[in-house]
N, C-alpha and C. Protein backbone atom coordinates (compact mmCIF):
# COMPACT_ATOMS: atom_id res chain seq x y z
N MET A 1 11.58 15.71 -5.20
CA MET A 1 11.63 17.06 -4.64
C MET A 1 11.92 18.08 -5.75
N ILE A 2 11.04 19.09 -5.89
CA ILE A 2 11.25 20.15 -6.86
C ILE A 2 12.10 21.24 -6.22
N ARG A 3 13.28 21.46 -6.77
CA ARG A 3 14.18 22.49 -6.26
C ARG A 3 13.93 23.79 -7.03
N LEU A 4 13.68 24.88 -6.30
CA LEU A 4 13.33 26.14 -6.95
C LEU A 4 14.24 27.29 -6.56
N VAL A 5 14.34 28.24 -7.50
CA VAL A 5 14.99 29.53 -7.25
C VAL A 5 13.98 30.60 -7.63
N ILE A 6 13.89 31.65 -6.83
CA ILE A 6 13.00 32.77 -7.15
C ILE A 6 13.85 34.01 -7.41
N ILE A 7 13.52 34.72 -8.49
CA ILE A 7 14.19 35.98 -8.83
C ILE A 7 13.12 37.06 -8.80
N GLU A 8 13.09 37.79 -7.71
CA GLU A 8 11.99 38.74 -7.44
C GLU A 8 12.50 39.85 -6.54
N ASP A 9 12.25 41.11 -6.90
CA ASP A 9 12.79 42.22 -6.12
C ASP A 9 11.86 42.70 -5.01
N GLU A 10 10.60 42.27 -5.02
CA GLU A 10 9.67 42.69 -3.98
C GLU A 10 9.72 41.72 -2.80
N GLU A 11 10.11 42.23 -1.65
CA GLU A 11 10.38 41.39 -0.47
C GLU A 11 9.16 40.61 -0.01
N LEU A 12 8.00 41.26 0.06
CA LEU A 12 6.80 40.59 0.56
C LEU A 12 6.38 39.44 -0.35
N ILE A 13 6.52 39.64 -1.65
CA ILE A 13 6.18 38.57 -2.60
C ILE A 13 7.16 37.42 -2.45
N ARG A 14 8.44 37.73 -2.33
CA ARG A 14 9.46 36.68 -2.13
C ARG A 14 9.15 35.87 -0.89
N LEU A 15 8.86 36.57 0.20
CA LEU A 15 8.62 35.91 1.48
C LEU A 15 7.39 35.03 1.42
N GLY A 16 6.30 35.54 0.85
CA GLY A 16 5.06 34.77 0.79
C GLY A 16 5.20 33.51 -0.03
N ILE A 17 5.82 33.64 -1.19
CA ILE A 17 5.97 32.48 -2.07
C ILE A 17 6.95 31.48 -1.48
N THR A 18 8.06 31.98 -0.95
CA THR A 18 9.07 31.09 -0.36
C THR A 18 8.50 30.30 0.81
N THR A 19 7.75 30.97 1.67
CA THR A 19 7.13 30.30 2.82
C THR A 19 6.18 29.21 2.37
N ALA A 20 5.35 29.52 1.37
CA ALA A 20 4.38 28.54 0.87
C ALA A 20 5.07 27.34 0.24
N ILE A 21 6.11 27.59 -0.53
CA ILE A 21 6.81 26.49 -1.21
C ILE A 21 7.50 25.58 -0.20
N ASN A 22 8.15 26.17 0.80
CA ASN A 22 8.86 25.35 1.78
C ASN A 22 7.93 24.56 2.70
N GLN A 23 6.63 24.87 2.65
CA GLN A 23 5.64 24.09 3.40
C GLN A 23 5.13 22.89 2.61
N GLN A 24 5.49 22.84 1.32
CA GLN A 24 5.06 21.72 0.49
C GLN A 24 6.01 20.53 0.66
N PRO A 25 5.48 19.32 0.76
CA PRO A 25 6.35 18.16 0.99
C PRO A 25 7.25 17.81 -0.19
N ASP A 26 6.89 18.30 -1.37
CA ASP A 26 7.67 17.95 -2.56
C ASP A 26 8.36 19.15 -3.20
N MET A 27 8.49 20.25 -2.44
CA MET A 27 9.13 21.45 -2.98
C MET A 27 10.12 22.04 -1.98
N GLN A 28 11.15 22.69 -2.53
CA GLN A 28 12.12 23.36 -1.67
C GLN A 28 12.69 24.58 -2.39
N MET A 29 12.66 25.75 -1.74
CA MET A 29 13.27 26.94 -2.29
C MET A 29 14.76 26.92 -1.93
N VAL A 30 15.59 26.72 -2.91
CA VAL A 30 17.03 26.58 -2.64
C VAL A 30 17.80 27.87 -2.86
N GLY A 31 17.18 28.87 -3.49
CA GLY A 31 17.88 30.11 -3.74
C GLY A 31 16.96 31.28 -3.97
N ILE A 32 17.38 32.47 -3.49
CA ILE A 32 16.58 33.68 -3.62
C ILE A 32 17.47 34.79 -4.18
N ALA A 33 17.00 35.46 -5.22
CA ALA A 33 17.74 36.57 -5.82
C ALA A 33 16.85 37.78 -5.94
N ARG A 34 17.43 38.95 -5.76
CA ARG A 34 16.67 40.20 -5.81
C ARG A 34 16.85 40.95 -7.12
N THR A 35 17.87 40.59 -7.89
CA THR A 35 18.12 41.24 -9.18
C THR A 35 18.30 40.18 -10.25
N GLY A 36 18.22 40.62 -11.51
CA GLY A 36 18.36 39.69 -12.61
C GLY A 36 19.75 39.08 -12.71
N ASN A 37 20.77 39.92 -12.62
CA ASN A 37 22.14 39.42 -12.73
C ASN A 37 22.48 38.45 -11.60
N GLU A 38 22.02 38.79 -10.40
CA GLU A 38 22.23 37.91 -9.25
C GLU A 38 21.52 36.58 -9.47
N GLY A 39 20.33 36.65 -10.04
CA GLY A 39 19.55 35.44 -10.29
C GLY A 39 20.18 34.52 -11.30
N VAL A 40 20.70 35.09 -12.39
CA VAL A 40 21.35 34.28 -13.43
C VAL A 40 22.54 33.51 -12.84
N LYS A 41 23.35 34.20 -12.03
CA LYS A 41 24.51 33.55 -11.40
C LYS A 41 24.07 32.46 -10.43
N LEU A 42 23.02 32.74 -9.66
CA LEU A 42 22.52 31.77 -8.68
C LEU A 42 22.00 30.51 -9.37
N VAL A 43 21.28 30.69 -10.46
CA VAL A 43 20.75 29.54 -11.20
C VAL A 43 21.88 28.71 -11.78
N GLU A 44 22.91 29.39 -12.26
CA GLU A 44 24.07 28.67 -12.82
C GLU A 44 24.77 27.84 -11.74
N GLU A 45 24.82 28.37 -10.52
CA GLU A 45 25.49 27.67 -9.41
C GLU A 45 24.65 26.52 -8.88
N LEU A 46 23.34 26.73 -8.74
CA LEU A 46 22.48 25.76 -8.05
C LEU A 46 21.78 24.79 -8.99
N THR A 47 21.67 25.12 -10.28
CA THR A 47 20.94 24.30 -11.27
C THR A 47 19.62 23.74 -10.71
N PRO A 48 18.67 24.63 -10.38
CA PRO A 48 17.38 24.17 -9.84
C PRO A 48 16.53 23.52 -10.93
N ASP A 49 15.41 22.96 -10.51
CA ASP A 49 14.47 22.37 -11.47
C ASP A 49 13.57 23.43 -12.09
N VAL A 50 13.16 24.39 -11.25
CA VAL A 50 12.23 25.44 -11.69
C VAL A 50 12.72 26.79 -11.18
N VAL A 51 12.60 27.80 -12.03
CA VAL A 51 12.95 29.17 -11.63
C VAL A 51 11.71 30.04 -11.78
N LEU A 52 11.39 30.79 -10.73
CA LEU A 52 10.32 31.78 -10.77
C LEU A 52 10.95 33.13 -11.07
N VAL A 53 10.55 33.75 -12.17
CA VAL A 53 11.19 34.98 -12.63
C VAL A 53 10.19 36.12 -12.74
N ASP A 54 10.52 37.23 -12.09
CA ASP A 54 9.72 38.45 -12.24
C ASP A 54 10.17 39.15 -13.53
N ILE A 55 9.22 39.70 -14.29
CA ILE A 55 9.57 40.40 -15.52
C ILE A 55 10.21 41.75 -15.23
N GLY A 56 9.67 42.48 -14.25
CA GLY A 56 10.17 43.82 -13.94
C GLY A 56 11.20 43.80 -12.83
N LEU A 57 12.48 43.66 -13.19
CA LEU A 57 13.56 43.62 -12.21
C LEU A 57 14.33 44.94 -12.25
N PRO A 58 15.06 45.27 -11.16
CA PRO A 58 15.69 46.60 -11.09
C PRO A 58 16.91 46.79 -11.97
N ASP A 59 17.55 45.70 -12.43
CA ASP A 59 18.77 45.89 -13.22
C ASP A 59 18.56 45.53 -14.70
N ILE A 60 18.18 44.29 -14.97
CA ILE A 60 17.93 43.87 -16.35
C ILE A 60 16.53 43.28 -16.44
N SER A 61 16.00 43.26 -17.65
CA SER A 61 14.64 42.75 -17.85
C SER A 61 14.56 41.27 -17.52
N GLY A 62 13.41 40.86 -17.00
CA GLY A 62 13.18 39.44 -16.77
C GLY A 62 13.25 38.64 -18.05
N VAL A 63 12.91 39.26 -19.18
CA VAL A 63 13.01 38.60 -20.48
C VAL A 63 14.47 38.25 -20.76
N GLU A 64 15.38 39.17 -20.46
CA GLU A 64 16.80 38.92 -20.65
C GLU A 64 17.29 37.83 -19.70
N VAL A 65 16.78 37.82 -18.48
CA VAL A 65 17.14 36.78 -17.50
C VAL A 65 16.77 35.40 -18.05
N ILE A 66 15.55 35.31 -18.59
CA ILE A 66 15.09 34.03 -19.15
C ILE A 66 16.00 33.57 -20.28
N LYS A 67 16.36 34.50 -21.17
CA LYS A 67 17.23 34.17 -22.30
C LYS A 67 18.57 33.63 -21.81
N GLN A 68 19.14 34.29 -20.80
CA GLN A 68 20.46 33.86 -20.30
C GLN A 68 20.38 32.49 -19.63
N ILE A 69 19.32 32.26 -18.87
CA ILE A 69 19.15 30.96 -18.21
C ILE A 69 19.01 29.85 -19.25
N LYS A 70 18.17 30.09 -20.25
CA LYS A 70 17.94 29.09 -21.29
C LYS A 70 19.17 28.86 -22.15
N ALA A 71 20.01 29.89 -22.28
CA ALA A 71 21.24 29.75 -23.07
C ALA A 71 22.23 28.83 -22.37
N ASN A 72 22.19 28.85 -21.03
CA ASN A 72 23.10 28.00 -20.25
C ASN A 72 22.59 26.57 -20.15
N THR A 73 21.30 26.39 -19.96
CA THR A 73 20.71 25.06 -19.91
C THR A 73 19.24 25.14 -20.26
N ASN A 74 18.79 24.30 -21.14
CA ASN A 74 17.40 24.32 -21.58
C ASN A 74 16.52 23.40 -20.73
N ASN A 75 17.15 22.68 -19.78
CA ASN A 75 16.40 21.72 -18.97
C ASN A 75 15.62 22.38 -17.83
N ILE A 76 16.04 23.57 -17.43
CA ILE A 76 15.39 24.26 -16.32
C ILE A 76 14.06 24.84 -16.78
N LYS A 77 13.02 24.59 -16.00
CA LYS A 77 11.70 25.13 -16.30
C LYS A 77 11.57 26.54 -15.72
N ILE A 78 10.90 27.42 -16.45
CA ILE A 78 10.77 28.81 -15.99
C ILE A 78 9.30 29.20 -15.92
N VAL A 79 8.91 29.67 -14.74
CA VAL A 79 7.56 30.19 -14.52
C VAL A 79 7.68 31.69 -14.28
N VAL A 80 7.04 32.48 -15.12
CA VAL A 80 7.09 33.93 -14.99
C VAL A 80 6.08 34.42 -13.96
N LEU A 81 6.51 35.35 -13.12
CA LEU A 81 5.62 36.06 -12.20
C LEU A 81 5.60 37.51 -12.66
N SER A 82 4.43 38.04 -12.98
CA SER A 82 4.40 39.39 -13.53
C SER A 82 3.08 40.09 -13.19
N SER A 83 3.15 41.41 -13.14
CA SER A 83 1.93 42.21 -12.98
C SER A 83 1.42 42.64 -14.35
N HIS A 84 2.16 42.30 -15.41
CA HIS A 84 1.78 42.67 -16.77
C HIS A 84 1.17 41.48 -17.50
N TYR A 85 0.08 41.72 -18.23
CA TYR A 85 -0.50 40.64 -19.01
C TYR A 85 -0.82 41.09 -20.44
N SER A 86 -0.15 42.15 -20.92
CA SER A 86 -0.36 42.57 -22.30
C SER A 86 0.19 41.49 -23.23
N GLN A 87 -0.38 41.42 -24.41
CA GLN A 87 0.01 40.39 -25.37
C GLN A 87 1.50 40.45 -25.69
N SER A 88 2.03 41.66 -25.85
CA SER A 88 3.43 41.80 -26.21
C SER A 88 4.37 41.31 -25.12
N ILE A 89 4.01 41.57 -23.86
CA ILE A 89 4.87 41.15 -22.75
C ILE A 89 4.84 39.63 -22.60
N VAL A 90 3.66 39.05 -22.66
CA VAL A 90 3.54 37.59 -22.55
C VAL A 90 4.32 36.92 -23.67
N GLN A 91 4.17 37.43 -24.87
CA GLN A 91 4.85 36.81 -26.00
C GLN A 91 6.37 36.94 -25.87
N SER A 92 6.83 38.10 -25.38
CA SER A 92 8.26 38.30 -25.19
C SER A 92 8.84 37.24 -24.26
N ALA A 93 8.12 36.96 -23.17
CA ALA A 93 8.58 35.96 -22.21
C ALA A 93 8.60 34.57 -22.84
N LEU A 94 7.57 34.24 -23.59
CA LEU A 94 7.50 32.92 -24.23
C LEU A 94 8.58 32.77 -25.28
N ASN A 95 8.81 33.81 -26.06
CA ASN A 95 9.86 33.75 -27.08
C ASN A 95 11.24 33.57 -26.45
N ALA A 96 11.40 34.13 -25.26
CA ALA A 96 12.69 34.02 -24.57
C ALA A 96 12.91 32.62 -24.01
N GLY A 97 11.80 31.86 -23.82
CA GLY A 97 11.94 30.49 -23.33
C GLY A 97 11.14 30.16 -22.09
N ALA A 98 10.29 31.09 -21.64
CA ALA A 98 9.46 30.81 -20.47
C ALA A 98 8.49 29.67 -20.75
N ASN A 99 8.24 28.85 -19.74
CA ASN A 99 7.32 27.72 -19.89
C ASN A 99 5.90 28.06 -19.45
N SER A 100 5.78 28.86 -18.40
CA SER A 100 4.47 29.22 -17.86
C SER A 100 4.47 30.68 -17.44
N TYR A 101 3.25 31.23 -17.25
CA TYR A 101 3.13 32.66 -16.96
C TYR A 101 1.99 32.89 -15.98
N ILE A 102 2.32 33.46 -14.81
CA ILE A 102 1.35 33.70 -13.75
C ILE A 102 1.35 35.18 -13.38
N LEU A 103 0.18 35.73 -13.12
CA LEU A 103 0.08 37.12 -12.70
C LEU A 103 0.26 37.24 -11.18
N LYS A 104 0.86 38.35 -10.76
CA LYS A 104 1.04 38.60 -9.34
C LYS A 104 -0.29 39.08 -8.74
N LYS A 105 -0.92 38.24 -7.98
CA LYS A 105 -2.16 38.64 -7.32
C LYS A 105 -2.34 37.86 -6.02
N ASN A 106 -1.25 37.44 -5.44
CA ASN A 106 -1.25 36.77 -4.14
C ASN A 106 -2.08 35.49 -4.15
N ASN A 107 -2.09 34.81 -5.29
CA ASN A 107 -2.83 33.55 -5.40
C ASN A 107 -1.83 32.39 -5.31
N ILE A 108 -1.46 32.04 -4.09
CA ILE A 108 -0.44 31.01 -3.87
C ILE A 108 -0.84 29.66 -4.45
N PRO A 109 -2.09 29.20 -4.26
CA PRO A 109 -2.48 27.91 -4.85
C PRO A 109 -2.27 27.87 -6.36
N LEU A 110 -2.52 28.99 -7.04
CA LEU A 110 -2.34 29.04 -8.49
C LEU A 110 -0.87 28.93 -8.86
N ILE A 111 -0.01 29.57 -8.08
CA ILE A 111 1.43 29.49 -8.32
C ILE A 111 1.92 28.05 -8.11
N LEU A 112 1.46 27.42 -7.05
CA LEU A 112 1.86 26.03 -6.78
C LEU A 112 1.37 25.10 -7.89
N GLU A 113 0.18 25.35 -8.38
CA GLU A 113 -0.36 24.54 -9.48
C GLU A 113 0.48 24.73 -10.74
N ALA A 114 0.88 25.97 -10.99
CA ALA A 114 1.71 26.26 -12.17
C ALA A 114 3.05 25.54 -12.08
N ILE A 115 3.63 25.53 -10.90
CA ILE A 115 4.93 24.85 -10.70
C ILE A 115 4.79 23.35 -10.96
N LYS A 116 3.77 22.74 -10.38
CA LYS A 116 3.59 21.29 -10.53
C LYS A 116 3.27 20.91 -11.98
N THR A 117 2.42 21.69 -12.63
CA THR A 117 2.06 21.40 -14.03
C THR A 117 3.28 21.54 -14.93
N THR A 118 4.06 22.58 -14.69
CA THR A 118 5.24 22.84 -15.50
C THR A 118 6.30 21.76 -15.30
N PHE A 119 6.49 21.34 -14.05
CA PHE A 119 7.56 20.38 -13.76
C PHE A 119 7.13 18.94 -13.99
N TYR A 120 6.05 18.52 -13.35
CA TYR A 120 5.65 17.12 -13.41
C TYR A 120 5.05 16.73 -14.77
N ASP A 121 4.23 17.61 -15.32
CA ASP A 121 3.54 17.28 -16.58
C ASP A 121 4.26 17.80 -17.82
N SER A 122 5.28 18.62 -17.60
CA SER A 122 6.02 19.25 -18.72
C SER A 122 5.06 19.99 -19.66
N LYS A 123 4.08 20.65 -19.06
CA LYS A 123 3.11 21.43 -19.83
C LYS A 123 3.15 22.89 -19.40
N SER A 124 2.78 23.78 -20.32
CA SER A 124 2.71 25.20 -19.99
C SER A 124 1.44 25.48 -19.19
N PHE A 125 1.56 26.40 -18.25
CA PHE A 125 0.43 26.78 -17.42
C PHE A 125 0.30 28.31 -17.48
N PHE A 126 -0.90 28.80 -17.84
CA PHE A 126 -1.12 30.23 -17.94
C PHE A 126 -2.22 30.69 -17.00
N ASP A 127 -2.00 31.82 -16.40
CA ASP A 127 -3.00 32.40 -15.51
C ASP A 127 -4.33 32.51 -16.24
N PRO A 128 -5.43 32.12 -15.60
CA PRO A 128 -6.75 32.19 -16.24
C PRO A 128 -7.09 33.57 -16.78
N ASP A 129 -6.61 34.63 -16.10
CA ASP A 129 -6.89 35.99 -16.56
C ASP A 129 -6.23 36.26 -17.91
N ILE A 130 -5.09 35.60 -18.17
CA ILE A 130 -4.43 35.74 -19.47
C ILE A 130 -5.21 34.98 -20.52
N SER A 131 -5.59 33.78 -20.18
CA SER A 131 -6.35 32.95 -21.13
C SER A 131 -7.66 33.61 -21.55
N ARG A 132 -8.27 34.35 -20.64
CA ARG A 132 -9.55 35.01 -20.94
C ARG A 132 -9.40 36.09 -22.00
N HIS A 133 -8.15 36.55 -22.22
CA HIS A 133 -7.93 37.56 -23.26
C HIS A 133 -7.75 36.92 -24.63
N ASN A 134 -7.94 35.59 -24.71
CA ASN A 134 -7.86 34.87 -25.98
C ASN A 134 -6.52 35.01 -26.67
N PHE A 135 -5.44 35.07 -25.88
CA PHE A 135 -4.12 35.17 -26.47
C PHE A 135 -3.71 33.88 -27.15
N PHE A 136 -4.30 32.76 -26.71
CA PHE A 136 -3.79 31.47 -27.13
C PHE A 136 -4.72 30.74 -28.08
N SER A 137 -5.36 31.50 -28.95
CA SER A 137 -6.22 30.88 -29.95
C SER A 137 -5.40 30.11 -30.98
N GLN A 138 -4.12 30.46 -31.09
CA GLN A 138 -3.20 29.73 -31.96
C GLN A 138 -2.00 29.32 -31.14
N GLN A 139 -1.15 28.49 -31.71
CA GLN A 139 0.03 28.04 -30.96
C GLN A 139 0.95 29.19 -30.63
N LYS A 140 1.08 30.13 -31.57
CA LYS A 140 1.98 31.25 -31.35
C LYS A 140 1.17 32.53 -31.28
N ILE A 141 1.47 33.35 -30.32
CA ILE A 141 0.75 34.61 -30.16
C ILE A 141 1.17 35.58 -31.24
N LYS A 142 0.21 36.29 -31.79
CA LYS A 142 0.53 37.30 -32.78
C LYS A 142 0.90 38.59 -32.08
N GLY A 143 1.73 39.39 -32.74
CA GLY A 143 2.10 40.69 -32.17
C GLY A 143 3.59 40.87 -32.13
N LYS A 144 4.03 41.86 -31.39
CA LYS A 144 5.45 42.17 -31.31
C LYS A 144 6.19 41.07 -30.56
N THR A 145 7.42 40.83 -30.96
CA THR A 145 8.17 39.72 -30.37
C THR A 145 9.37 40.17 -29.54
N TYR A 146 9.89 41.35 -29.75
CA TYR A 146 11.06 41.81 -29.01
C TYR A 146 12.18 40.78 -29.05
N GLN A 147 12.53 40.35 -30.27
CA GLN A 147 13.56 39.32 -30.41
C GLN A 147 14.91 39.80 -29.87
N ASP A 148 15.21 41.10 -30.03
CA ASP A 148 16.51 41.63 -29.61
C ASP A 148 16.36 42.38 -28.29
N HIS A 149 17.16 42.02 -27.30
CA HIS A 149 17.12 42.74 -26.05
C HIS A 149 18.01 43.98 -26.14
N LEU A 150 17.77 44.93 -25.28
CA LEU A 150 18.56 46.15 -25.28
C LEU A 150 19.95 45.90 -24.71
N SER A 151 20.96 46.53 -25.31
CA SER A 151 22.33 46.41 -24.82
C SER A 151 22.48 47.24 -23.55
N THR A 152 23.64 47.09 -22.89
CA THR A 152 23.91 47.86 -21.67
C THR A 152 23.85 49.36 -21.93
N THR A 153 24.47 49.79 -23.04
CA THR A 153 24.47 51.21 -23.39
C THR A 153 23.05 51.69 -23.69
N GLU A 154 22.29 50.87 -24.40
CA GLU A 154 20.91 51.25 -24.73
C GLU A 154 20.04 51.36 -23.48
N ILE A 155 20.29 50.49 -22.50
CA ILE A 155 19.55 50.57 -21.25
C ILE A 155 19.90 51.86 -20.51
N GLN A 156 21.20 52.23 -20.53
CA GLN A 156 21.62 53.49 -19.92
C GLN A 156 20.92 54.67 -20.57
N ILE A 157 20.85 54.63 -21.90
CA ILE A 157 20.25 55.74 -22.65
C ILE A 157 18.75 55.82 -22.39
N ILE A 158 18.05 54.68 -22.42
CA ILE A 158 16.61 54.71 -22.19
C ILE A 158 16.30 55.16 -20.76
N SER A 159 17.18 54.83 -19.82
CA SER A 159 17.00 55.27 -18.43
C SER A 159 17.16 56.78 -18.31
N LEU A 160 18.15 57.33 -19.03
CA LEU A 160 18.36 58.78 -19.02
C LEU A 160 17.21 59.49 -19.74
N MET A 161 16.71 58.87 -20.80
CA MET A 161 15.54 59.42 -21.49
C MET A 161 14.36 59.48 -20.53
N ALA A 162 14.19 58.43 -19.74
CA ALA A 162 13.09 58.37 -18.77
C ALA A 162 13.22 59.46 -17.72
N ALA A 163 14.46 59.84 -17.42
CA ALA A 163 14.71 60.88 -16.42
C ALA A 163 14.56 62.28 -17.01
N GLY A 164 14.28 62.36 -18.33
CA GLY A 164 14.04 63.64 -18.96
C GLY A 164 15.24 64.28 -19.62
N PHE A 165 16.34 63.53 -19.78
CA PHE A 165 17.55 64.05 -20.39
C PHE A 165 17.35 64.23 -21.90
N SER A 166 17.88 65.31 -22.45
CA SER A 166 17.89 65.52 -23.90
C SER A 166 19.03 64.69 -24.51
N ASN A 167 19.05 64.59 -25.84
CA ASN A 167 20.14 63.86 -26.51
C ASN A 167 21.49 64.47 -26.15
N LYS A 168 21.55 65.80 -26.10
CA LYS A 168 22.81 66.48 -25.78
C LYS A 168 23.28 66.13 -24.38
N LEU A 169 22.35 66.15 -23.42
CA LEU A 169 22.73 65.84 -22.04
C LEU A 169 23.11 64.37 -21.87
N ILE A 170 22.43 63.50 -22.62
CA ILE A 170 22.78 62.07 -22.58
C ILE A 170 24.19 61.87 -23.10
N ALA A 171 24.53 62.57 -24.19
CA ALA A 171 25.87 62.47 -24.78
C ALA A 171 26.93 62.93 -23.78
N GLU A 172 26.65 64.02 -23.08
CA GLU A 172 27.60 64.53 -22.09
C GLU A 172 27.74 63.57 -20.92
N GLN A 173 26.63 62.98 -20.51
CA GLN A 173 26.63 62.05 -19.38
C GLN A 173 27.44 60.80 -19.68
N LEU A 174 27.33 60.29 -20.92
CA LEU A 174 27.98 59.04 -21.30
C LEU A 174 29.29 59.24 -22.04
N PHE A 175 29.70 60.51 -22.22
CA PHE A 175 30.95 60.84 -22.90
C PHE A 175 31.00 60.28 -24.32
N ILE A 176 29.91 60.45 -25.04
CA ILE A 176 29.83 60.05 -26.44
C ILE A 176 29.25 61.22 -27.23
N THR A 177 29.27 61.13 -28.56
CA THR A 177 28.75 62.22 -29.37
C THR A 177 27.23 62.18 -29.43
N GLU A 178 26.63 63.31 -29.76
CA GLU A 178 25.18 63.39 -29.87
C GLU A 178 24.67 62.52 -31.01
N SER A 179 25.45 62.44 -32.10
CA SER A 179 25.04 61.59 -33.22
C SER A 179 25.06 60.12 -32.84
N THR A 180 25.99 59.73 -31.96
CA THR A 180 26.03 58.35 -31.47
C THR A 180 24.79 58.05 -30.63
N VAL A 181 24.40 59.03 -29.83
CA VAL A 181 23.18 58.87 -29.02
C VAL A 181 21.98 58.65 -29.93
N LYS A 182 21.88 59.47 -30.98
CA LYS A 182 20.76 59.34 -31.91
C LYS A 182 20.74 57.97 -32.58
N GLY A 183 21.95 57.45 -32.90
CA GLY A 183 22.03 56.12 -33.49
C GLY A 183 21.53 55.04 -32.55
N HIS A 184 21.90 55.15 -31.27
CA HIS A 184 21.44 54.19 -30.27
C HIS A 184 19.92 54.28 -30.09
N ILE A 185 19.40 55.50 -30.08
CA ILE A 185 17.96 55.68 -29.91
C ILE A 185 17.19 55.06 -31.07
N ASN A 186 17.72 55.21 -32.28
CA ASN A 186 17.07 54.57 -33.44
C ASN A 186 17.05 53.06 -33.30
N LYS A 187 18.12 52.48 -32.75
CA LYS A 187 18.17 51.03 -32.52
C LYS A 187 17.16 50.63 -31.45
N ILE A 188 17.05 51.46 -30.42
CA ILE A 188 16.07 51.19 -29.35
C ILE A 188 14.66 51.17 -29.93
N PHE A 189 14.36 52.17 -30.76
CA PHE A 189 13.04 52.24 -31.40
C PHE A 189 12.76 50.97 -32.20
N ALA A 190 13.79 50.53 -32.95
CA ALA A 190 13.61 49.34 -33.80
C ALA A 190 13.38 48.09 -32.95
N LYS A 191 14.13 47.95 -31.88
CA LYS A 191 14.02 46.76 -31.04
C LYS A 191 12.68 46.72 -30.30
N LEU A 192 12.18 47.88 -29.91
CA LEU A 192 10.92 47.94 -29.18
C LEU A 192 9.72 48.12 -30.11
N ASP A 193 10.00 48.23 -31.41
CA ASP A 193 8.94 48.38 -32.42
C ASP A 193 8.08 49.60 -32.15
N VAL A 194 8.75 50.74 -31.94
CA VAL A 194 8.05 52.01 -31.71
C VAL A 194 8.67 53.07 -32.62
N SER A 195 8.04 54.24 -32.67
CA SER A 195 8.54 55.30 -33.56
C SER A 195 8.79 56.62 -32.84
N ASP A 196 8.59 56.64 -31.51
CA ASP A 196 8.83 57.89 -30.78
C ASP A 196 9.26 57.60 -29.35
N ARG A 197 9.71 58.64 -28.67
CA ARG A 197 10.24 58.50 -27.32
C ARG A 197 9.19 58.03 -26.32
N VAL A 198 8.01 58.61 -26.41
CA VAL A 198 6.97 58.28 -25.44
C VAL A 198 6.67 56.79 -25.43
N ASN A 199 6.43 56.23 -26.62
CA ASN A 199 6.12 54.80 -26.69
C ASN A 199 7.33 53.94 -26.37
N ALA A 200 8.53 54.43 -26.67
CA ALA A 200 9.74 53.69 -26.30
C ALA A 200 9.84 53.56 -24.79
N LEU A 201 9.55 54.65 -24.09
CA LEU A 201 9.60 54.64 -22.62
C LEU A 201 8.53 53.73 -22.03
N ILE A 202 7.36 53.77 -22.64
CA ILE A 202 6.26 52.93 -22.15
C ILE A 202 6.60 51.44 -22.32
N GLU A 203 7.10 51.07 -23.50
CA GLU A 203 7.43 49.66 -23.76
C GLU A 203 8.62 49.23 -22.91
N ALA A 204 9.62 50.10 -22.77
CA ALA A 204 10.79 49.77 -21.95
C ALA A 204 10.40 49.56 -20.50
N SER A 205 9.44 50.35 -20.02
CA SER A 205 8.96 50.20 -18.66
C SER A 205 8.23 48.88 -18.48
N LYS A 206 7.39 48.52 -19.45
CA LYS A 206 6.66 47.26 -19.39
C LYS A 206 7.61 46.07 -19.31
N LEU A 207 8.73 46.16 -20.04
CA LEU A 207 9.67 45.04 -20.11
C LEU A 207 10.66 45.04 -18.95
N GLY A 208 10.57 46.05 -18.07
CA GLY A 208 11.42 46.06 -16.89
C GLY A 208 12.76 46.72 -17.08
N TYR A 209 12.98 47.39 -18.22
CA TYR A 209 14.26 48.07 -18.43
C TYR A 209 14.38 49.32 -17.58
N ILE A 210 13.26 49.96 -17.29
CA ILE A 210 13.26 51.15 -16.45
C ILE A 210 12.13 51.03 -15.45
N GLU A 211 12.29 51.67 -14.30
CA GLU A 211 11.28 51.62 -13.26
C GLU A 211 10.14 52.58 -13.60
N GLN A 212 8.90 52.14 -13.45
CA GLN A 212 7.74 52.97 -13.75
C GLN A 212 7.71 54.23 -12.87
N ASN A 213 8.28 54.14 -11.66
CA ASN A 213 8.27 55.29 -10.76
C ASN A 213 9.05 56.47 -11.32
N TYR A 214 10.02 56.17 -12.20
CA TYR A 214 10.85 57.22 -12.75
C TYR A 214 10.45 57.60 -14.17
N LEU A 215 9.37 57.03 -14.64
CA LEU A 215 8.94 57.25 -16.01
C LEU A 215 8.35 58.64 -16.17
N LYS A 216 8.92 59.41 -17.09
CA LYS A 216 8.42 60.74 -17.37
C LYS A 216 8.04 60.82 -18.84
N VAL A 217 6.77 60.84 -19.12
CA VAL A 217 6.30 60.96 -20.50
C VAL A 217 5.31 62.10 -20.58
N GLY A 218 5.24 62.75 -21.75
CA GLY A 218 4.30 63.83 -21.94
C GLY A 218 4.81 65.14 -21.36
């Protein structure tokens, strides 16, 4: 029996996948989490065989969730569920320790196949739409790696940036100096491999640090 936990903030997706998994004779959904922090704690408590992780979560990035899970135990298999298939996002998930990567498109049979391949065969499974982009011509994908995740303060700052706050207003909001804000922003740029606010917001949104609905660029 494959014991699974799903970390996904969209209710309809959670319900559809959970229902399908619990109908399988060799699978059982043992835990459901709506946020990244909740999911990390749940995985630590339940120690499932496979975790389904959404990249875009409301509190912390799915990439950070994967890192924390793998830091606690490397035996758990992780299948990413994402609406993003850019090279940088896929590579970020793989670098964090993800085993397989599936796109959200309501293809339940594909998700079930990914789970079985990842668990039973101990092989990586990638959505065919990702493979068609020729990301896997080599063992390691080329491109940005996002080795360093954003700190709590940096996530607060990038969120305020997304809301249109100036450096001065961010400093007032967080009770820190404007020069400290600038220092944090420079670190954010370095971690996201960008050189300006617009691209920082775009990359942070892709990685799930901020919600796209609140993204203000241009």
